[in-house]
Amino acid sequence: MSSLLPQFLAAVSDIDRQDLVDALGQGAVYALMAVGIGLVFGVLRLVNFAYGQLIMAGAYALAFASDRGWSVTQGIVFCFAVVLALSVAMDRLVFRPLRTQSPAVMLVTTFAVAFLLQNAALLIDVRDGTIGEPAASIASLNQAVTVWGTDVRKIVLVTIVVAAVSLAALALLLGKTTIGLQMRAAAVDFPTARLLGVRANRVIGLAVVLSGLLAATVAVILTVEQPLVDPSFGLKPTIVVLVGVVVGGIDRLWTATLGGFVIGFASDIIYAALPTDQTVFLDSVLFALVVVVLLVRPAGLFARGGSSLAERV
């Protein structure tokens, strides 16, 4: 362990362009996940721990489509349909009836929904006596192409472009439309926004649908990168993104998004820099950095001033 730090620093200096592009791609994926989590948190003040299971459901939909011989386009459409249906059902059957309950009740409920979906996937998955379903039909998107002398996987380029377009579209929606203004008002002070005429069901429903669209997008990207789908699919990235959201500043959508991007980018760079036999220390290094950041900036690395979530409680 005493020699790990010098090895790590030396490896960081040797990071090449391919590693940087891959890190940008992972940061973009985590940013999309952070936006999906942040949208629901903004209007409901609820961290949806079942978000990873929505991604898992989309991945299983892609595996199902692949097993049936459907085209890539049909599989992606089916993935979006499944994730959106689950997102709307979660809102109607769970979030809406419990909206007046305490945050602790809603938080525990999202845990219950997460385990319910995960165990439902396990029951479906083990019918053939094995755990894990392949989604081979979209694996071709993980092939490499040469860009300016650097080998880059197609899915990384797609991820960066999709993330940029999605974030730009969301910025326009929130900044230039009436419903976007209502969502921003609800995120600042939901009770007051309702008194001023903001329709709660409409605002929350839109946030849930947008969050579902982003979850389906992430499901496609992660399934291309890891085409063997199992009930724990998407769980670890969701945990890491939640940490990134807290590090960035969970109280604001864009700081949370930036936090998700930073932790995704940093985790990929650290993984590339660590010696092969030391990659088991990735999580330790990453979360140690998180602890240091939160000790220095409890409100979040990118939060302005001294504002924090605790001030809202």
Protein backbone atom coordinates (compact mmCIF):
# COMPACT_ATOMS: atom_id res chain seq x y z
CA MET A 1 0.00 0.00 0.00
CA SER A 2 2.90 2.37 0.69
CA SER A 3 3.93 2.19 -2.96
CA LEU A 4 0.39 2.55 -4.30
CA LEU A 5 0.28 6.36 -4.31
CA PRO A 6 3.48 6.87 -6.35
CA GLN A 7 2.32 4.20 -8.82
CA PHE A 8 -1.05 5.88 -9.08
CA LEU A 9 0.40 9.35 -9.67
CA ALA A 10 2.75 7.97 -12.31
CA ALA A 11 -0.13 6.20 -14.03
CA VAL A 12 -2.25 9.38 -14.05
CA SER A 13 0.50 11.14 -15.96
CA ASP A 14 0.35 8.38 -18.58
CA ILE A 15 -3.41 8.64 -19.23
CA ASP A 16 -3.93 8.66 -23.00
CA ARG A 17 -6.64 10.18 -25.19
CA GLN A 18 -8.61 6.94 -25.38
CA ASP A 19 -8.90 6.80 -21.59
CA LEU A 20 -9.97 10.44 -21.50
CA VAL A 21 -12.70 9.85 -24.10
CA ASP A 22 -13.94 6.78 -22.21
CA ALA A 23 -14.00 8.83 -19.00
CA LEU A 24 -15.99 11.55 -20.74
CA GLY A 25 -18.45 8.91 -21.91
CA GLN A 26 -18.91 7.50 -18.42
CA GLY A 27 -19.23 10.99 -16.98
CA ALA A 28 -21.95 11.71 -19.54
CA VAL A 29 -23.87 8.55 -18.57
CA TYR A 30 -23.68 9.43 -14.89
CA ALA A 31 -24.77 13.00 -15.65
CA LEU A 32 -27.91 11.67 -17.37
CA MET A 33 -28.64 9.48 -14.36
CA ALA A 34 -28.07 12.42 -12.02
CA VAL A 35 -30.57 14.52 -13.99
CA GLY A 36 -33.16 11.75 -13.81
CA ILE A 37 -32.74 11.47 -10.04
CA GLY A 38 -32.58 15.25 -9.59
CA LEU A 39 -35.80 15.95 -11.51
CA VAL A 40 -37.88 13.82 -9.15
CA PHE A 41 -36.02 15.12 -6.10
CA GLY A 42 -36.65 18.69 -7.22
CA VAL A 43 -40.44 18.46 -7.14
CA LEU A 44 -40.99 15.74 -4.53
CA ARG A 45 -37.92 16.17 -2.30
CA LEU A 46 -37.54 12.42 -2.69
CA VAL A 47 -34.44 10.43 -3.58
CA ASN A 48 -35.85 7.60 -5.70
CA PHE A 49 -33.75 4.56 -4.80
CA ALA A 50 -35.76 2.50 -7.32
CA TYR A 51 -34.18 4.44 -10.21
CA GLY A 52 -31.59 1.73 -10.79
CA GLN A 53 -34.35 -0.87 -11.10
CA LEU A 54 -36.01 1.20 -13.84
CA ILE A 55 -32.71 0.98 -15.73
CA MET A 56 -32.60 -2.76 -15.04
CA ALA A 57 -36.15 -3.18 -16.40
CA GLY A 58 -35.15 -1.39 -19.59
CA ALA A 59 -32.11 -3.65 -19.95
CA TYR A 60 -34.28 -6.75 -19.56
CA ALA A 61 -36.63 -5.36 -22.21
CA LEU A 62 -33.67 -5.11 -24.59
CA ALA A 63 -32.62 -8.68 -23.74
CA PHE A 64 -36.19 -9.88 -24.34
CA ALA A 65 -36.28 -8.13 -27.72
CA SER A 66 -32.90 -9.61 -28.65
CA ASP A 67 -34.07 -13.12 -27.70
CA ARG A 68 -37.15 -12.71 -29.92
CA GLY A 69 -35.05 -11.62 -32.89
CA TRP A 70 -36.41 -8.08 -32.97
CA SER A 71 -34.45 -5.34 -34.71
CA VAL A 72 -32.33 -2.88 -32.73
CA THR A 73 -34.90 -0.13 -33.30
CA GLN A 74 -37.78 -2.30 -32.12
CA GLY A 75 -35.80 -3.31 -29.03
CA ILE A 76 -35.01 0.30 -28.12
CA VAL A 77 -38.65 1.37 -28.60
CA PHE A 78 -39.77 -1.53 -26.40
CA CYS A 79 -37.20 -0.54 -23.76
CA PHE A 80 -38.54 3.01 -23.64
CA ALA A 81 -42.14 1.77 -23.47
CA VAL A 82 -41.39 -0.55 -20.54
CA VAL A 83 -39.46 2.04 -18.54
CA LEU A 84 -42.03 4.78 -19.13
CA ALA A 85 -44.89 2.45 -18.16
CA LEU A 86 -43.11 1.52 -14.92
CA SER A 87 -42.29 5.17 -14.18
CA VAL A 88 -45.91 6.29 -14.63
CA ALA A 89 -47.17 3.30 -12.61
CA MET A 90 -44.73 4.15 -9.82
CA ASP A 91 -46.00 7.72 -9.76
CA ARG A 92 -49.71 6.78 -9.81
CA LEU A 93 -49.55 3.83 -7.42
CA VAL A 94 -46.78 4.91 -5.01
CA PHE A 95 -45.75 8.56 -5.16
CA ARG A 96 -49.20 10.12 -5.53
CA PRO A 97 -50.98 8.26 -2.68
CA LEU A 98 -48.03 8.90 -0.31
CA ARG A 99 -47.35 12.48 -1.33
CA THR A 100 -48.76 13.88 1.93
CA GLN A 101 -46.79 11.45 4.10
CA SER A 102 -43.44 12.16 5.71
CA PRO A 103 -40.26 12.02 3.58
CA ALA A 104 -39.11 9.00 5.61
CA VAL A 105 -42.23 7.04 4.61
CA MET A 106 -41.73 7.80 0.92
CA LEU A 107 -38.02 7.00 1.13
CA VAL A 108 -38.64 3.60 2.68
CA THR A 109 -41.32 2.97 0.05
CA THR A 110 -38.84 3.54 -2.78
CA PHE A 111 -36.56 0.94 -1.17
CA ALA A 112 -39.50 -1.48 -1.09
CA VAL A 113 -40.29 -0.81 -4.75
CA ALA A 114 -36.63 -1.30 -5.66
CA PHE A 115 -36.46 -4.71 -3.96
CA LEU A 116 -39.84 -5.66 -5.42
CA LEU A 117 -38.68 -4.97 -8.98
CA GLN A 118 -35.33 -6.66 -8.40
CA ASN A 119 -36.90 -9.82 -7.01
CA ALA A 120 -39.53 -9.86 -9.77
CA ALA A 121 -36.69 -9.76 -12.30
CA LEU A 122 -34.96 -12.62 -10.46
CA LEU A 123 -38.09 -14.77 -10.52
CA ILE A 124 -38.52 -14.19 -14.24
CA ASP A 125 -34.82 -14.66 -14.96
CA VAL A 126 -34.34 -18.04 -13.25
CA ARG A 127 -37.11 -19.77 -15.21
CA ASP A 128 -34.47 -21.24 -17.53
CA GLY A 129 -32.28 -22.30 -14.61
CA THR A 130 -29.67 -19.56 -15.11
CA ILE A 131 -29.25 -15.97 -13.98
CA GLY A 132 -28.50 -13.43 -16.68
CA GLU A 133 -29.99 -12.71 -20.10
CA PRO A 134 -27.92 -11.67 -23.14
CA ALA A 135 -28.85 -8.66 -25.27
CA ALA A 136 -26.63 -9.51 -28.21
CA SER A 137 -28.54 -7.59 -30.88
CA ILE A 138 -27.20 -4.18 -29.80
CA ALA A 139 -23.65 -5.30 -28.98
CA SER A 140 -22.42 -4.03 -32.36
CA LEU A 141 -22.73 -0.47 -31.05
CA ASN A 142 -19.79 -1.22 -28.75
CA GLN A 143 -17.38 -1.66 -31.65
CA ALA A 144 -14.51 0.81 -31.97
CA VAL A 145 -13.98 3.39 -34.68
CA THR A 146 -10.90 5.52 -35.27
CA VAL A 147 -11.31 9.25 -34.63
CA TRP A 148 -8.26 11.47 -35.15
CA GLY A 149 -5.96 8.52 -34.58
CA THR A 150 -7.72 7.35 -31.43
CA ASP A 151 -9.82 4.19 -31.16
CA VAL A 152 -13.19 5.18 -29.67
CA ARG A 153 -16.18 2.91 -29.11
CA LYS A 154 -19.30 3.96 -31.03
CA ILE A 155 -21.41 3.95 -27.88
CA VAL A 156 -19.08 6.45 -26.20
CA LEU A 157 -19.55 8.93 -29.05
CA VAL A 158 -23.31 8.33 -29.00
CA THR A 159 -23.39 8.80 -25.23
CA ILE A 160 -21.57 12.14 -25.33
CA VAL A 161 -23.82 13.47 -28.11
CA VAL A 162 -27.03 12.21 -26.47
CA ALA A 163 -26.05 13.67 -23.11
CA ALA A 164 -25.24 17.07 -24.64
CA VAL A 165 -28.51 17.16 -26.61
CA SER A 166 -30.59 15.96 -23.65
CA LEU A 167 -29.12 18.50 -21.24
CA ALA A 168 -29.54 21.32 -23.77
CA ALA A 169 -33.17 20.31 -24.40
CA LEU A 170 -33.85 20.17 -20.66
CA ALA A 171 -32.28 23.59 -20.18
CA LEU A 172 -34.59 25.01 -22.87
CA LEU A 173 -37.61 23.29 -21.32
CA LEU A 174 -36.89 24.62 -17.84
CA GLY A 175 -35.87 28.09 -18.98
CA LYS A 176 -38.15 28.89 -21.91
CA THR A 177 -41.50 27.16 -21.31
CA THR A 178 -44.38 27.71 -18.91
CA ILE A 179 -44.29 24.16 -17.58
CA GLY A 180 -40.55 24.52 -17.09
CA LEU A 181 -41.07 27.66 -15.04
CA GLN A 182 -43.66 25.81 -12.97
CA MET A 183 -41.20 22.97 -12.35
CA ARG A 184 -38.55 25.42 -11.22
CA ALA A 185 -41.03 27.15 -8.92
CA ALA A 186 -42.10 23.80 -7.48
CA ALA A 187 -38.48 22.88 -6.86
CA VAL A 188 -37.91 26.10 -4.88
CA ASP A 189 -41.13 26.09 -2.81
CA PHE A 190 -43.78 23.54 -3.76
CA PRO A 191 -46.54 24.63 -1.31
CA THR A 192 -46.29 28.27 -2.41
CA ALA A 193 -46.19 27.24 -6.07
CA ARG A 194 -49.44 25.31 -5.61
CA LEU A 195 -51.07 28.36 -4.00
CA LEU A 196 -50.08 30.36 -7.08
CA GLY A 197 -51.86 27.92 -9.39
CA VAL A 198 -49.20 25.33 -10.25
CA ARG A 199 -50.93 21.98 -10.83
CA ALA A 200 -49.08 19.43 -8.73
CA ASN A 201 -50.06 16.33 -10.71
CA ARG A 202 -49.02 17.93 -13.99
CA VAL A 203 -45.62 19.09 -12.75
CA ILE A 204 -44.80 15.86 -10.92
CA GLY A 205 -46.07 13.74 -13.82
CA LEU A 206 -43.80 15.57 -16.27
CA ALA A 207 -40.80 15.19 -13.95
CA VAL A 208 -41.48 11.46 -13.63
CA VAL A 209 -41.86 11.01 -17.41
CA LEU A 210 -38.66 12.94 -18.14
CA SER A 211 -36.86 10.92 -15.48
CA GLY A 212 -38.17 7.72 -17.11
CA LEU A 213 -36.98 8.82 -20.55
CA LEU A 214 -33.50 9.40 -19.16
CA ALA A 215 -33.55 6.02 -17.36
CA ALA A 216 -34.46 4.28 -20.62
CA THR A 217 -31.66 6.12 -22.42
CA VAL A 218 -29.16 5.04 -19.77
CA ALA A 219 -30.51 1.46 -19.95
CA VAL A 220 -29.71 1.33 -23.67
CA ILE A 221 -26.21 2.74 -23.17
CA LEU A 222 -25.30 0.46 -20.26
CA THR A 223 -26.72 -2.61 -22.02
CA VAL A 224 -24.55 -1.93 -25.06
CA GLU A 225 -21.52 -1.70 -22.77
CA GLN A 226 -22.53 -4.76 -20.72
CA PRO A 227 -24.87 -6.96 -22.79
CA LEU A 228 -25.42 -9.62 -20.09
CA VAL A 229 -28.33 -8.41 -17.98
CA ASP A 230 -29.00 -9.67 -14.43
CA PRO A 231 -31.21 -8.48 -11.52
CA SER A 232 -28.40 -6.32 -10.10
CA PHE A 233 -27.92 -4.54 -13.43
CA GLY A 234 -27.55 -0.78 -12.94
CA LEU A 235 -27.41 -1.03 -9.14
CA LYS A 236 -23.77 -0.03 -8.61
CA PRO A 237 -23.85 2.89 -11.10
CA THR A 238 -26.96 4.20 -9.34
CA ILE A 239 -25.25 4.10 -5.94
CA VAL A 240 -22.19 5.89 -7.34
CA VAL A 241 -24.40 8.50 -9.03
CA LEU A 242 -26.31 9.12 -5.80
CA VAL A 243 -22.98 9.79 -4.10
CA GLY A 244 -22.04 12.12 -6.94
CA VAL A 245 -25.35 13.97 -6.63
CA VAL A 246 -24.70 14.57 -2.94
CA VAL A 247 -21.12 15.65 -3.64
CA GLY A 248 -22.25 18.09 -6.34
CA GLY A 249 -25.10 19.51 -4.27
CA ILE A 250 -28.40 17.64 -4.26
CA ASP A 251 -30.39 20.81 -3.61
CA ARG A 252 -29.92 22.10 -7.17
CA LEU A 253 -30.46 20.16 -10.40
CA TRP A 254 -27.44 21.45 -12.27
CA THR A 255 -25.00 21.07 -9.36
CA ALA A 256 -26.29 17.53 -8.86
CA THR A 257 -25.79 16.86 -12.57
CA LEU A 258 -22.27 18.23 -12.48
CA GLY A 259 -21.57 16.09 -9.43
CA GLY A 260 -22.74 13.00 -11.32
CA PHE A 261 -20.51 13.85 -14.26
CA VAL A 262 -17.47 14.50 -12.06
CA ILE A 263 -17.77 11.25 -10.11
CA GLY A 264 -18.28 9.26 -13.33
CA PHE A 265 -15.29 10.89 -15.00
CA ALA A 266 -13.11 10.55 -11.89
CA SER A 267 -13.99 6.88 -11.32
CA ASP A 268 -13.02 5.99 -14.89
CA ILE A 269 -9.77 7.95 -14.70
CA ILE A 270 -8.88 6.37 -11.35
CA TYR A 271 -9.65 2.90 -12.74
CA ALA A 272 -7.41 3.53 -15.75
CA ALA A 273 -4.63 4.94 -13.56
CA LEU A 274 -4.56 2.20 -10.95
CA PRO A 275 -2.25 -0.76 -11.65
CA THR A 276 -4.18 -3.84 -12.77
CA ASP A 277 -3.62 -5.69 -9.52
CA GLN A 278 -4.75 -2.64 -7.52
CA THR A 279 -8.09 -1.92 -9.23
CA VAL A 280 -9.85 -3.56 -6.28
CA PHE A 281 -9.06 -0.34 -4.41
CA LEU A 282 -11.10 1.78 -6.85
CA ASP A 283 -14.15 2.09 -4.60
CA SER A 284 -11.98 2.81 -1.57
CA VAL A 285 -10.11 5.61 -3.34
CA LEU A 286 -13.30 7.06 -4.81
CA PHE A 287 -15.32 7.13 -1.60
CA ALA A 288 -12.35 8.40 0.40
CA LEU A 289 -12.27 11.40 -1.94
CA VAL A 290 -16.02 11.82 -1.42
CA VAL A 291 -15.59 11.90 2.37
CA VAL A 292 -12.87 14.55 2.04
CA VAL A 293 -15.06 16.69 -0.22
CA LEU A 294 -18.06 16.48 2.11
CA LEU A 295 -15.90 17.35 5.12
CA VAL A 296 -14.74 20.48 3.32
CA ARG A 297 -18.03 21.34 1.55
CA PRO A 298 -20.98 19.67 3.34
CA ALA A 299 -23.52 21.48 1.14
CA GLY A 300 -21.90 20.10 -2.00
CA LEU A 301 -18.82 20.82 -4.04
CA PHE A 302 -20.65 23.12 -6.49
CA ALA A 303 -23.24 24.64 -4.14
CA ARG A 304 -23.21 28.42 -3.98
CA GLY A 305 -22.67 30.09 -0.64
CA GLY A 306 -23.58 28.18 2.46
CA SER A 307 -26.94 26.83 1.32
CA SER A 308 -27.67 23.23 2.07
CA LEU A 309 -30.54 20.83 2.17
CA ALA A 310 -30.60 21.09 5.95
CA GLU A 311 -31.86 24.67 5.67
CA ARG A 312 -35.06 23.40 4.05
CA VAL A 313 -35.88 20.95 6.83
